[in-house]
Each structure stands twice: as C-alpha cells, then as structure tokens.
Amino acid sequence: MSIPALLIGITLLILSGALIIRPLLDQSQYNAEPDILLQSLLTERDNILTLILDLEDDFATGKITEEFFTQRRQTLVLRGARTLQQLDAHSTDNVSDLDAQIEAQIAALRGQHDR
C-alpha cells in the first residue's frame, strides 16, 4: 500500500470518528427534560377528538341512539374544554418563563456591553 493511500485512509478514519463521537460529546441538546404535563394534555386532547369523531360516525351509521349520542358528545365536549383550558394555562406559564429568561439574557448582554 502506498503512503498517500495510507494517509487518505487515516484521514477518512479520523473524520468519520469525529462525526460519530461529536454528538456523544455534545449532550446539551439532550439534557432538557420533556414536559410530561404538556405531552399528557396533548394526548388527552387528541384522544377526545378521536372519541368525538368516532361517536359522530357511529351516530351517522345508526349504531347508537340520538339520546346516547347527545349525552356522550356533551360529556366529551366538556372534557375537551377542560383539557384546552389546562393547555392554555400551561402554555401561558411557559411563555412567562420564556419571557423572564429572555429578559435575563438581555440584561446580561447589556451588562457585558456597558463594561
């Protein structure tokens, strides 16, 4: 094997190794904890929408009575409204936290700039 081919092979090995190891060393993007409450509220919202659509399909095909449809749909709509209110409250909390973080970073940058 010639020396230039050996150097090219070693260079490719080092570059591919760096590409593989780099994400393992940069753990900052993986340290954020998932927002479990948000995920559960979004899942609940999706489940309620699916249940309402299934209920409407069952009523349209005549599988259930109008009385059952009306009662069940009203229950699901109320449950969905509560879930949406919780989602709104949760997103409002997150926005205020984000605003506070942005303001802190702006103040820090202004402090560095004034020095």
PDB file of N, CA and C in Angstrom:
ATOM      1  N   MET A   1       0.851  -1.171   0.000  1.00  0.00           N
ATOM      2  CA  MET A   1       0.000   0.000   0.000  1.00  0.00           C
ATOM      3  C   MET A   1       0.894   1.230   0.000  1.00  0.00           C
ATOM      4  N   SER A   2       0.516   2.215  -0.781  1.00  0.00           N
ATOM      5  CA  SER A   2       1.345   3.411  -0.898  1.00  0.00           C
ATOM      6  C   SER A   2       1.080   4.370   0.271  1.00  0.00           C
ATOM      7  N   ILE A   3       2.001   5.247   0.516  1.00  0.00           N
ATOM      8  CA  ILE A   3       1.892   6.196   1.622  1.00  0.00           C
ATOM      9  C   ILE A   3       0.737   7.173   1.410  1.00  0.00           C
ATOM     10  N   PRO A   4       0.504   7.727   0.226  1.00  0.00           N
ATOM     11  CA  PRO A   4      -0.649   8.628   0.051  1.00  0.00           C
ATOM     12  C   PRO A   4      -1.988   7.930   0.322  1.00  0.00           C
ATOM     13  N   ALA A   5      -2.124   6.685  -0.100  1.00  0.00           N
ATOM     14  CA  ALA A   5      -3.362   5.949   0.156  1.00  0.00           C
ATOM     15  C   ALA A   5      -3.530   5.718   1.655  1.00  0.00           C
ATOM     16  N   LEU A   6      -2.448   5.434   2.348  1.00  0.00           N
ATOM     17  CA  LEU A   6      -2.485   5.230   3.792  1.00  0.00           C
ATOM     18  C   LEU A   6      -2.875   6.522   4.496  1.00  0.00           C
ATOM     19  N   LEU A   7      -2.325   7.652   4.080  1.00  0.00           N
ATOM     20  CA  LEU A   7      -2.668   8.948   4.678  1.00  0.00           C
ATOM     21  C   LEU A   7      -4.134   9.310   4.433  1.00  0.00           C
ATOM     22  N   ILE A   8      -4.616   9.029   3.242  1.00  0.00           N
ATOM     23  CA  ILE A   8      -6.035   9.290   2.938  1.00  0.00           C
ATOM     24  C   ILE A   8      -6.927   8.405   3.804  1.00  0.00           C
ATOM     25  N   GLY A   9      -6.556   7.154   3.963  1.00  0.00           N
ATOM     26  CA  GLY A   9      -7.328   6.237   4.796  1.00  0.00           C
ATOM     27  C   GLY A   9      -7.366   6.678   6.247  1.00  0.00           C
ATOM     28  N   ILE A  10      -6.227   7.098   6.781  1.00  0.00           N
ATOM     29  CA  ILE A  10      -6.165   7.571   8.166  1.00  0.00           C
ATOM     30  C   ILE A  10      -6.994   8.847   8.330  1.00  0.00           C
ATOM     31  N   THR A  11      -6.923   9.746   7.348  1.00  0.00           N
ATOM     32  CA  THR A  11      -7.690  10.981   7.402  1.00  0.00           C
ATOM     33  C   THR A  11      -9.190  10.689   7.393  1.00  0.00           C
ATOM     34  N   LEU A  12      -9.616   9.787   6.530  1.00  0.00           N
ATOM     35  CA  LEU A  12     -11.041   9.417   6.489  1.00  0.00           C
ATOM     36  C   LEU A  12     -11.474   8.758   7.792  1.00  0.00           C
ATOM     37  N   LEU A  13     -10.621   7.945   8.367  1.00  0.00           N
ATOM     38  CA  LEU A  13     -10.922   7.288   9.640  1.00  0.00           C
ATOM     39  C   LEU A  13     -11.073   8.325  10.753  1.00  0.00           C
ATOM     40  N   ILE A  14     -10.199   9.300  10.805  1.00  0.00           N
ATOM     41  CA  ILE A  14     -10.275  10.343  11.827  1.00  0.00           C
ATOM     42  C   ILE A  14     -11.531  11.191  11.642  1.00  0.00           C
ATOM     43  N   LEU A  15     -11.828  11.574  10.403  1.00  0.00           N
ATOM     44  CA  LEU A  15     -13.022  12.390  10.144  1.00  0.00           C
ATOM     45  C   LEU A  15     -14.309  11.644  10.478  1.00  0.00           C
ATOM     46  N   SER A  16     -14.387  10.386  10.093  1.00  0.00           N
ATOM     47  CA  SER A  16     -15.602   9.617  10.392  1.00  0.00           C
ATOM     48  C   SER A  16     -15.723   9.391  11.900  1.00  0.00           C
ATOM     49  N   GLY A  17     -14.618   9.175  12.572  1.00  0.00           N
ATOM     50  CA  GLY A  17     -14.653   9.026  14.026  1.00  0.00           C
ATOM     51  C   GLY A  17     -15.117  10.304  14.706  1.00  0.00           C
ATOM     52  N   ALA A  18     -14.654  11.449  14.202  1.00  0.00           N
ATOM     53  CA  ALA A  18     -15.074  12.735  14.774  1.00  0.00           C
ATOM     54  C   ALA A  18     -16.566  12.953  14.562  1.00  0.00           C
ATOM     55  N   LEU A  19     -17.070  12.565  13.400  1.00  0.00           N
ATOM     56  CA  LEU A  19     -18.503  12.726  13.134  1.00  0.00           C
ATOM     57  C   LEU A  19     -19.348  11.833  14.033  1.00  0.00           C
ATOM     58  N   ILE A  20     -18.829  10.682  14.364  1.00  0.00           N
ATOM     59  CA  ILE A  20     -19.576   9.757  15.224  1.00  0.00           C
ATOM     60  C   ILE A  20     -19.502  10.190  16.681  1.00  0.00           C
ATOM     61  N   ILE A  21     -18.359  10.654  17.127  1.00  0.00           N
ATOM     62  CA  ILE A  21     -18.162  10.983  18.541  1.00  0.00           C
ATOM     63  C   ILE A  21     -18.753  12.352  18.903  1.00  0.00           C
ATOM     64  N   ARG A  22     -18.800  13.283  17.968  1.00  0.00           N
ATOM     65  CA  ARG A  22     -19.265  14.645  18.259  1.00  0.00           C
ATOM     66  C   ARG A  22     -20.641  14.700  18.920  1.00  0.00           C
ATOM     67  N   PRO A  23     -21.657  14.026  18.406  1.00  0.00           N
ATOM     68  CA  PRO A  23     -22.961  14.082  19.082  1.00  0.00           C
ATOM     69  C   PRO A  23     -22.923  13.476  20.482  1.00  0.00           C
ATOM     70  N   LEU A  24     -22.067  12.508  20.693  1.00  0.00           N
ATOM     71  CA  LEU A  24     -21.978  11.903  22.016  1.00  0.00           C
ATOM     72  C   LEU A  24     -21.372  12.863  23.026  1.00  0.00           C
ATOM     73  N   LEU A  25     -20.475  13.702  22.583  1.00  0.00           N
ATOM     74  CA  LEU A  25     -19.832  14.661  23.471  1.00  0.00           C
ATOM     75  C   LEU A  25     -20.714  15.877  23.725  1.00  0.00           C
ATOM     76  N   ASP A  26     -21.551  16.249  22.773  1.00  0.00           N
ATOM     77  CA  ASP A  26     -22.433  17.407  22.911  1.00  0.00           C
ATOM     78  C   ASP A  26     -23.774  16.947  23.475  1.00  0.00           C
ATOM     79  N   GLN A  27     -23.858  16.864  24.783  1.00  0.00           N
ATOM     80  CA  GLN A  27     -25.068  16.384  25.438  1.00  0.00           C
ATOM     81  C   GLN A  27     -26.034  17.515  25.803  1.00  0.00           C
ATOM     82  N   SER A  28     -25.691  18.763  25.507  1.00  0.00           N
ATOM     83  CA  SER A  28     -26.536  19.879  25.918  1.00  0.00           C
ATOM     84  C   SER A  28     -27.931  19.806  25.305  1.00  0.00           C
ATOM     85  N   GLN A  29     -28.038  19.322  24.087  1.00  0.00           N
ATOM     86  CA  GLN A  29     -29.353  19.247  23.449  1.00  0.00           C
ATOM     87  C   GLN A  29     -30.208  18.121  24.012  1.00  0.00           C
ATOM     88  N   TYR A  30     -29.598  17.203  24.741  1.00  0.00           N
ATOM     89  CA  TYR A  30     -30.335  16.076  25.289  1.00  0.00           C
ATOM     90  C   TYR A  30     -30.646  16.252  26.769  1.00  0.00           C
ATOM     91  N   ASN A  31     -30.146  17.309  27.397  1.00  0.00           N
ATOM     92  CA  ASN A  31     -30.333  17.489  28.823  1.00  0.00           C
ATOM     93  C   ASN A  31     -31.702  18.047  29.182  1.00  0.00           C
ATOM     94  N   ALA A  32     -32.397  18.631  28.242  1.00  0.00           N
ATOM     95  CA  ALA A  32     -33.710  19.195  28.522  1.00  0.00           C
ATOM     96  C   ALA A  32     -34.691  18.069  28.838  1.00  0.00           C
ATOM     97  N   GLU A  33     -35.360  18.225  29.977  1.00  0.00           N
ATOM     98  CA  GLU A  33     -36.340  17.212  30.369  1.00  0.00           C
ATOM     99  C   GLU A  33     -37.636  17.434  29.596  1.00  0.00           C
ATOM    100  N   PRO A  34     -38.258  16.360  29.166  1.00  0.00           N
ATOM    101  CA  PRO A  34     -39.513  16.525  28.430  1.00  0.00           C
ATOM    102  C   PRO A  34     -40.604  17.048  29.361  1.00  0.00           C
ATOM    103  N   ASP A  35     -41.481  17.840  28.813  1.00  0.00           N
ATOM    104  CA  ASP A  35     -42.593  18.386  29.578  1.00  0.00           C
ATOM    105  C   ASP A  35     -43.708  17.345  29.601  1.00  0.00           C
ATOM    106  N   ILE A  36     -43.739  16.558  30.659  1.00  0.00           N
ATOM    107  CA  ILE A  36     -44.668  15.425  30.743  1.00  0.00           C
ATOM    108  C   ILE A  36     -46.111  15.907  30.811  1.00  0.00           C
ATOM    109  N   LEU A  37     -46.352  16.984  31.559  1.00  0.00           N
ATOM    110  CA  LEU A  37     -47.719  17.501  31.661  1.00  0.00           C
ATOM    111  C   LEU A  37     -48.228  17.948  30.296  1.00  0.00           C
ATOM    112  N   LEU A  38     -47.391  18.656  29.557  1.00  0.00           N
ATOM    113  CA  LEU A  38     -47.792  19.103  28.222  1.00  0.00           C
ATOM    114  C   LEU A  38     -48.087  17.917  27.312  1.00  0.00           C
ATOM    115  N   GLN A  39     -47.231  16.920  27.339  1.00  0.00           N
ATOM    116  CA  GLN A  39     -47.434  15.738  26.499  1.00  0.00           C
ATOM    117  C   GLN A  39     -48.729  15.018  26.869  1.00  0.00           C
ATOM    118  N   SER A  40     -49.015  14.904  28.168  1.00  0.00           N
ATOM    119  CA  SER A  40     -50.248  14.209  28.568  1.00  0.00           C
ATOM    120  C   SER A  40     -51.484  15.014  28.181  1.00  0.00           C
ATOM    121  N   LEU A  41     -51.406  16.345  28.279  1.00  0.00           N
ATOM    122  CA  LEU A  41     -52.551  17.166  27.875  1.00  0.00           C
ATOM    123  C   LEU A  41     -52.790  17.095  26.365  1.00  0.00           C
ATOM    124  N   LEU A  42     -51.719  17.095  25.597  1.00  0.00           N
ATOM    125  CA  LEU A  42     -51.871  16.977  24.140  1.00  0.00           C
ATOM    126  C   LEU A  42     -52.432  15.610  23.753  1.00  0.00           C
ATOM    127  N   THR A  43     -51.982  14.580  24.445  1.00  0.00           N
ATOM    128  CA  THR A  43     -52.504  13.238  24.182  1.00  0.00           C
ATOM    129  C   THR A  43     -53.984  13.162  24.540  1.00  0.00           C
ATOM    130  N   GLU A  44     -54.345  13.749  25.673  1.00  0.00           N
ATOM    131  CA  GLU A  44     -55.753  13.764  26.096  1.00  0.00           C
ATOM    132  C   GLU A  44     -56.611  14.499  25.076  1.00  0.00           C
ATOM    133  N   ARG A  45     -56.121  15.638  24.574  1.00  0.00           N
ATOM    134  CA  ARG A  45     -56.862  16.397  23.559  1.00  0.00           C
ATOM    135  C   ARG A  45     -57.080  15.561  22.304  1.00  0.00           C
ATOM    136  N   ASP A  46     -56.030  14.902  21.852  1.00  0.00           N
ATOM    137  CA  ASP A  46     -56.139  14.072  20.649  1.00  0.00           C
ATOM    138  C   ASP A  46     -57.112  12.911  20.864  1.00  0.00           C
ATOM    139  N   ASN A  47     -57.055  12.299  22.049  1.00  0.00           N
ATOM    140  CA  ASN A  47     -57.963  11.189  22.352  1.00  0.00           C
ATOM    141  C   ASN A  47     -59.420  11.649  22.354  1.00  0.00           C
ATOM    142  N   ILE A  48     -59.681  12.809  22.925  1.00  0.00           N
ATOM    143  CA  ILE A  48     -61.053  13.318  22.974  1.00  0.00           C
ATOM    144  C   ILE A  48     -61.563  13.618  21.564  1.00  0.00           C
ATOM    145  N   LEU A  49     -60.723  14.223  20.745  1.00  0.00           N
ATOM    146  CA  LEU A  49     -61.144  14.499  19.366  1.00  0.00           C
ATOM    147  C   LEU A  49     -61.448  13.205  18.607  1.00  0.00           C
ATOM    148  N   THR A  50     -60.630  12.196  18.822  1.00  0.00           N
ATOM    149  CA  THR A  50     -60.868  10.901  18.173  1.00  0.00           C
ATOM    150  C   THR A  50     -62.169  10.284  18.658  1.00  0.00           C
ATOM    151  N   LEU A  51     -62.421  10.373  19.961  1.00  0.00           N
ATOM    152  CA  LEU A  51     -63.668   9.825  20.507  1.00  0.00           C
ATOM    153  C   LEU A  51     -64.886  10.541  19.948  1.00  0.00           C
ATOM    154  N   ILE A  52     -64.810  11.851  19.815  1.00  0.00           N
ATOM    155  CA  ILE A  52     -65.943  12.609  19.252  1.00  0.00           C
ATOM    156  C   ILE A  52     -66.181  12.220  17.800  1.00  0.00           C
ATOM    157  N   LEU A  53     -65.100  12.100  17.027  1.00  0.00           N
ATOM    158  CA  LEU A  53     -65.258  11.701  15.626  1.00  0.00           C
ATOM    159  C   LEU A  53     -65.837  10.296  15.501  1.00  0.00           C
ATOM    160  N   ASP A  54     -65.369   9.375  16.338  1.00  0.00           N
ATOM    161  CA  ASP A  54     -65.910   8.010  16.323  1.00  0.00           C
ATOM    162  C   ASP A  54     -67.384   8.000  16.713  1.00  0.00           C
ATOM    163  N   LEU A  55     -67.729   8.802  17.707  1.00  0.00           N
ATOM    164  CA  LEU A  55     -69.119   8.887  18.147  1.00  0.00           C
ATOM    165  C   LEU A  55     -70.009   9.423  17.031  1.00  0.00           C
ATOM    166  N   GLU A  56     -69.533  10.454  16.326  1.00  0.00           N
ATOM    167  CA  GLU A  56     -70.309  11.008  15.222  1.00  0.00           C
ATOM    168  C   GLU A  56     -70.464   9.998  14.084  1.00  0.00           C
ATOM    169  N   ASP A  57     -69.413   9.220  13.833  1.00  0.00           N
ATOM    170  CA  ASP A  57     -69.516   8.171  12.814  1.00  0.00           C
ATOM    171  C   ASP A  57     -70.534   7.107  13.219  1.00  0.00           C
ATOM    172  N   ASP A  58     -70.489   6.716  14.484  1.00  0.00           N
ATOM    173  CA  ASP A  58     -71.443   5.711  14.965  1.00  0.00           C
ATOM    174  C   ASP A  58     -72.874   6.224  14.866  1.00  0.00           C
ATOM    175  N   PHE A  59     -73.084   7.492  15.166  1.00  0.00           N
ATOM    176  CA  PHE A  59     -74.440   8.061  15.076  1.00  0.00           C
ATOM    177  C   PHE A  59     -74.886   8.152  13.616  1.00  0.00           C
ATOM    178  N   ALA A  60     -73.963   8.540  12.748  1.00  0.00           N
ATOM    179  CA  ALA A  60     -74.308   8.679  11.335  1.00  0.00           C
ATOM    180  C   ALA A  60     -74.680   7.338  10.709  1.00  0.00           C
ATOM    181  N   THR A  61     -74.066   6.267  11.176  1.00  0.00           N
ATOM    182  CA  THR A  61     -74.372   4.950  10.624  1.00  0.00           C
ATOM    183  C   THR A  61     -75.528   4.260  11.344  1.00  0.00           C
ATOM    184  N   GLY A  62     -76.060   4.912  12.385  1.00  0.00           N
ATOM    185  CA  GLY A  62     -77.221   4.363  13.089  1.00  0.00           C
ATOM    186  C   GLY A  62     -76.890   3.322  14.135  1.00  0.00           C
ATOM    187  N   LYS A  63     -75.642   3.249  14.573  1.00  0.00           N
ATOM    188  CA  LYS A  63     -75.255   2.255  15.582  1.00  0.00           C
ATOM    189  C   LYS A  63     -75.691   2.657  16.985  1.00  0.00           C
ATOM    190  N   ILE A  64     -75.876   3.963  17.225  1.00  0.00           N
ATOM    191  CA  ILE A  64     -76.270   4.430  18.552  1.00  0.00           C
ATOM    192  C   ILE A  64     -77.485   5.339  18.423  1.00  0.00           C
ATOM    193  N   THR A  65     -78.195   5.497  19.534  1.00  0.00           N
ATOM    194  CA  THR A  65     -79.392   6.336  19.526  1.00  0.00           C
ATOM    195  C   THR A  65     -79.017   7.805  19.642  1.00  0.00           C
ATOM    196  N   GLU A  66     -79.971   8.660  19.297  1.00  0.00           N
ATOM    197  CA  GLU A  66     -79.722  10.102  19.365  1.00  0.00           C
ATOM    198  C   GLU A  66     -79.527  10.554  20.805  1.00  0.00           C
ATOM    199  N   GLU A  67     -80.276   9.945  21.719  1.00  0.00           N
ATOM    200  CA  GLU A  67     -80.155  10.316  23.135  1.00  0.00           C
ATOM    201  C   GLU A  67     -78.753   9.993  23.661  1.00  0.00           C
ATOM    202  N   PHE A  68     -78.251   8.787  23.368  1.00  0.00           N
ATOM    203  CA  PHE A  68     -76.907   8.408  23.799  1.00  0.00           C
ATOM    204  C   PHE A  68     -75.867   9.310  23.155  1.00  0.00           C
ATOM    205  N   PHE A  69     -76.050   9.596  21.867  1.00  0.00           N
ATOM    206  CA  PHE A  69     -75.123  10.457  21.133  1.00  0.00           C
ATOM    207  C   PHE A  69     -75.048  11.836  21.781  1.00  0.00           C
ATOM    208  N   THR A  70     -76.194  12.422  22.078  1.00  0.00           N
ATOM    209  CA  THR A  70     -76.238  13.766  22.654  1.00  0.00           C
ATOM    210  C   THR A  70     -75.560  13.807  24.019  1.00  0.00           C
ATOM    211  N   GLN A  71     -75.874  12.833  24.853  1.00  0.00           N
ATOM    212  CA  GLN A  71     -75.288  12.808  26.199  1.00  0.00           C
ATOM    213  C   GLN A  71     -73.775  12.596  26.144  1.00  0.00           C
ATOM    214  N   ARG A  72     -73.368  11.624  25.388  1.00  0.00           N
ATOM    215  CA  ARG A  72     -71.938  11.286  25.313  1.00  0.00           C
ATOM    216  C   ARG A  72     -71.142  12.417  24.672  1.00  0.00           C
ATOM    217  N   ARG A  73     -71.685  13.029  23.624  1.00  0.00           N
ATOM    218  CA  ARG A  73     -70.980  14.120  22.962  1.00  0.00           C
ATOM    219  C   ARG A  73     -70.841  15.312  23.893  1.00  0.00           C
ATOM    220  N   GLN A  74     -71.886  15.621  24.655  1.00  0.00           N
ATOM    221  CA  GLN A  74     -71.822  16.734  25.598  1.00  0.00           C
ATOM    222  C   GLN A  74     -70.749  16.473  26.663  1.00  0.00           C
ATOM    223  N   THR A  75     -70.669  15.246  27.147  1.00  0.00           N
ATOM    224  CA  THR A  75     -69.648  14.886  28.128  1.00  0.00           C
ATOM    225  C   THR A  75     -68.246  15.049  27.541  1.00  0.00           C
ATOM    226  N   LEU A  76     -68.060  14.584  26.317  1.00  0.00           N
ATOM    227  CA  LEU A  76     -66.748  14.687  25.678  1.00  0.00           C
ATOM    228  C   LEU A  76     -66.366  16.141  25.381  1.00  0.00           C
ATOM    229  N   VAL A  77     -67.343  16.948  24.978  1.00  0.00           N
ATOM    230  CA  VAL A  77     -67.065  18.358  24.695  1.00  0.00           C
ATOM    231  C   VAL A  77     -66.653  19.075  25.981  1.00  0.00           C
ATOM    232  N   LEU A  78     -67.319  18.799  27.085  1.00  0.00           N
ATOM    233  CA  LEU A  78     -66.949  19.419  28.362  1.00  0.00           C
ATOM    234  C   LEU A  78     -65.548  18.978  28.798  1.00  0.00           C
ATOM    235  N   ARG A  79     -65.268  17.697  28.625  1.00  0.00           N
ATOM    236  CA  ARG A  79     -63.936  17.175  28.958  1.00  0.00           C
ATOM    237  C   ARG A  79     -62.873  17.820  28.072  1.00  0.00           C
ATOM    238  N   GLY A  80     -63.186  17.987  26.812  1.00  0.00           N
ATOM    239  CA  GLY A  80     -62.263  18.641  25.890  1.00  0.00           C
ATOM    240  C   GLY A  80     -62.038  20.104  26.245  1.00  0.00           C
ATOM    241  N   ALA A  81     -63.089  20.782  26.663  1.00  0.00           N
ATOM    242  CA  ALA A  81     -62.958  22.193  27.047  1.00  0.00           C
ATOM    243  C   ALA A  81     -62.049  22.333  28.264  1.00  0.00           C
ATOM    244  N   ARG A  82     -62.206  21.441  29.236  1.00  0.00           N
ATOM    245  CA  ARG A  82     -61.326  21.479  30.417  1.00  0.00           C
ATOM    246  C   ARG A  82     -59.873  21.224  30.019  1.00  0.00           C
ATOM    247  N   THR A  83     -59.675  20.287  29.121  1.00  0.00           N
ATOM    248  CA  THR A  83     -58.315  19.974  28.666  1.00  0.00           C
ATOM    249  C   THR A  83     -57.703  21.168  27.936  1.00  0.00           C
ATOM    250  N   LEU A  84     -58.483  21.825  27.089  1.00  0.00           N
ATOM    251  CA  LEU A  84     -57.984  23.007  26.376  1.00  0.00           C
ATOM    252  C   LEU A  84     -57.665  24.147  27.333  1.00  0.00           C
ATOM    253  N   GLN A  85     -58.476  24.313  28.388  1.00  0.00           N
ATOM    254  CA  GLN A  85     -58.187  25.341  29.387  1.00  0.00           C
ATOM    255  C   GLN A  85     -56.870  25.044  30.102  1.00  0.00           C
ATOM    256  N   GLN A  86     -56.656  23.765  30.416  1.00  0.00           N
ATOM    257  CA  GLN A  86     -55.399  23.387  31.058  1.00  0.00           C
ATOM    258  C   GLN A  86     -54.216  23.625  30.122  1.00  0.00           C
ATOM    259  N   LEU A  87     -54.396  23.324  28.845  1.00  0.00           N
ATOM    260  CA  LEU A  87     -53.335  23.580  27.864  1.00  0.00           C
ATOM    261  C   LEU A  87     -53.028  25.075  27.770  1.00  0.00           C
ATOM    262  N   ASP A  88     -54.070  25.904  27.754  1.00  0.00           N
ATOM    263  CA  ASP A  88     -53.869  27.351  27.694  1.00  0.00           C
ATOM    264  C   ASP A  88     -53.129  27.852  28.927  1.00  0.00           C
ATOM    265  N   ALA A  89     -53.524  27.368  30.096  1.00  0.00           N
ATOM    266  CA  ALA A  89     -52.859  27.777  31.335  1.00  0.00           C
ATOM    267  C   ALA A  89     -51.401  27.338  31.326  1.00  0.00           C
ATOM    268  N   HIS A  90     -51.156  26.134  30.848  1.00  0.00           N
ATOM    269  CA  HIS A  90     -49.783  25.616  30.804  1.00  0.00           C
ATOM    270  C   HIS A  90     -48.930  26.410  29.829  1.00  0.00           C
ATOM    271  N   SER A  91     -49.472  26.737  28.663  1.00  0.00           N
ATOM    272  CA  SER A  91     -48.697  27.485  27.677  1.00  0.00           C
ATOM    273  C   SER A  91     -48.450  28.909  28.159  1.00  0.00           C
ATOM    274  N   THR A  92     -49.393  29.494  28.899  1.00  0.00           N
ATOM    275  CA  THR A  92     -49.199  30.829  29.456  1.00  0.00           C
ATOM    276  C   THR A  92     -48.059  30.824  30.455  1.00  0.00           C
ATOM    277  N   ASP A  93     -47.983  29.772  31.291  1.00  0.00           N
ATOM    278  CA  ASP A  93     -46.883  29.645  32.248  1.00  0.00           C
ATOM    279  C   ASP A  93     -45.555  29.546  31.524  1.00  0.00           C
ATOM    280  N   ASN A  94     -45.506  28.743  30.465  1.00  0.00           N
ATOM    281  CA  ASN A  94     -44.265  28.570  29.708  1.00  0.00           C
ATOM    282  C   ASN A  94     -43.834  29.858  29.030  1.00  0.00           C
ATOM    283  N   VAL A  95     -44.795  30.626  28.524  1.00  0.00           N
ATOM    284  CA  VAL A  95     -44.470  31.873  27.850  1.00  0.00           C
ATOM    285  C   VAL A  95     -43.893  32.871  28.850  1.00  0.00           C
ATOM    286  N   SER A  96     -44.476  32.945  30.052  1.00  0.00           N
ATOM    287  CA  SER A  96     -43.950  33.890  31.041  1.00  0.00           C
ATOM    288  C   SER A  96     -42.555  33.475  31.488  1.00  0.00           C
ATOM    289  N   ASP A  97     -42.303  32.166  31.616  1.00  0.00           N
ATOM    290  CA  ASP A  97     -40.956  31.695  31.949  1.00  0.00           C
ATOM    291  C   ASP A  97     -39.979  32.053  30.833  1.00  0.00           C
ATOM    292  N   LEU A  98     -40.400  31.884  29.602  1.00  0.00           N
ATOM    293  CA  LEU A  98     -39.547  32.199  28.466  1.00  0.00           C
ATOM    294  C   LEU A  98     -39.260  33.696  28.422  1.00  0.00           C
ATOM    295  N   ASP A  99     -40.270  34.507  28.679  1.00  0.00           N
ATOM    296  CA  ASP A  99     -40.062  35.954  28.709  1.00  0.00           C
ATOM    297  C   ASP A  99     -39.036  36.333  29.775  1.00  0.00           C
ATOM    298  N   ALA A 100     -39.136  35.717  30.940  1.00  0.00           N
ATOM    299  CA  ALA A 100     -38.197  36.013  32.017  1.00  0.00           C
ATOM    300  C   ALA A 100     -36.773  35.605  31.621  1.00  0.00           C
ATOM    301  N   GLN A 101     -36.624  34.480  30.945  1.00  0.00           N
ATOM    302  CA  GLN A 101     -35.305  34.034  30.505  1.00  0.00           C
ATOM    303  C   GLN A 101     -34.725  34.996  29.464  1.00  0.00           C
ATOM    304  N   ILE A 102     -35.557  35.443  28.544  1.00  0.00           N
ATOM    305  CA  ILE A 102     -35.099  36.377  27.509  1.00  0.00           C
ATOM    306  C   ILE A 102     -34.670  37.694  28.142  1.00  0.00           C
ATOM    307  N   GLU A 103     -35.481  38.195  29.075  1.00  0.00           N
ATOM    308  CA  GLU A 103     -35.134  39.449  29.745  1.00  0.00           C
ATOM    309  C   GLU A 103     -33.825  39.318  30.522  1.00  0.00           C
ATOM    310  N   ALA A 104     -33.601  38.186  31.163  1.00  0.00           N
ATOM    311  CA  ALA A 104     -32.356  37.968  31.906  1.00  0.00           C
ATOM    312  C   ALA A 104     -31.156  37.945  30.962  1.00  0.00           C
ATOM    313  N   GLN A 105     -31.323  37.306  29.815  1.00  0.00           N
ATOM    314  CA  GLN A 105     -30.230  37.270  28.846  1.00  0.00           C
ATOM    315  C   GLN A 105     -29.952  38.655  28.265  1.00  0.00           C
ATOM    316  N   ILE A 106     -30.994  39.425  28.025  1.00  0.00           N
ATOM    317  CA  ILE A 106     -30.811  40.791  27.518  1.00  0.00           C
ATOM    318  C   ILE A 106     -30.071  41.631  28.549  1.00  0.00           C
ATOM    319  N   ALA A 107     -30.476  41.511  29.820  1.00  0.00           N
ATOM    320  CA  ALA A 107     -29.805  42.275  30.876  1.00  0.00           C
ATOM    321  C   ALA A 107     -28.334  41.878  30.985  1.00  0.00           C
ATOM    322  N   ALA A 108     -28.050  40.575  30.864  1.00  0.00           N
ATOM    323  CA  ALA A 108     -26.668  40.110  30.939  1.00  0.00           C
ATOM    324  C   ALA A 108     -25.859  40.660  29.767  1.00  0.00           C
ATOM    325  N   LEU A 109     -26.432  40.648  28.575  1.00  0.00           N
ATOM    326  CA  LEU A 109     -25.723  41.170  27.407  1.00  0.00           C
ATOM    327  C   LEU A 109     -25.493  42.674  27.526  1.00  0.00           C
ATOM    328  N   ARG A 110     -26.469  43.395  28.048  1.00  0.00           N
ATOM    329  CA  ARG A 110     -26.309  44.849  28.240  1.00  0.00           C
ATOM    330  C   ARG A 110     -25.217  45.115  29.285  1.00  0.00           C
ATOM    331  N   GLY A 111     -25.189  44.280  30.317  1.00  0.00           N
ATOM    332  CA  GLY A 111     -24.152  44.424  31.337  1.00  0.00           C
ATOM    333  C   GLY A 111     -22.783  44.197  30.773  1.00  0.00           C
ATOM    334  N   GLN A 112     -22.622  43.230  29.866  1.00  0.00           N
ATOM    335  CA  GLN A 112     -21.346  42.968  29.227  1.00  0.00           C
ATOM    336  C   GLN A 112     -20.981  44.110  28.281  1.00  0.00           C
ATOM    337  N   HIS A 113     -21.964  44.654  27.621  1.00  0.00           N
ATOM    338  CA  HIS A 113     -21.717  45.710  26.649  1.00  0.00           C
ATOM    339  C   HIS A 113     -21.312  47.006  27.338  1.00  0.00           C
ATOM    340  N   ASP A 114     -21.863  47.275  28.522  1.00  0.00           N
ATOM    341  CA  ASP A 114     -21.574  48.515  29.234  1.00  0.00           C
ATOM    342  C   ASP A 114     -20.186  48.522  29.849  1.00  0.00           C
ATOM    343  N   ARG A 115     -19.557  47.382  30.010  1.00  0.00           N
ATOM    344  CA  ARG A 115     -18.235  47.313  30.645  1.00  0.00           C
ATOM    345  C   ARG A 115     -17.183  47.912  29.827  1.00  0.00           C
TER     346      ARG A 115
END
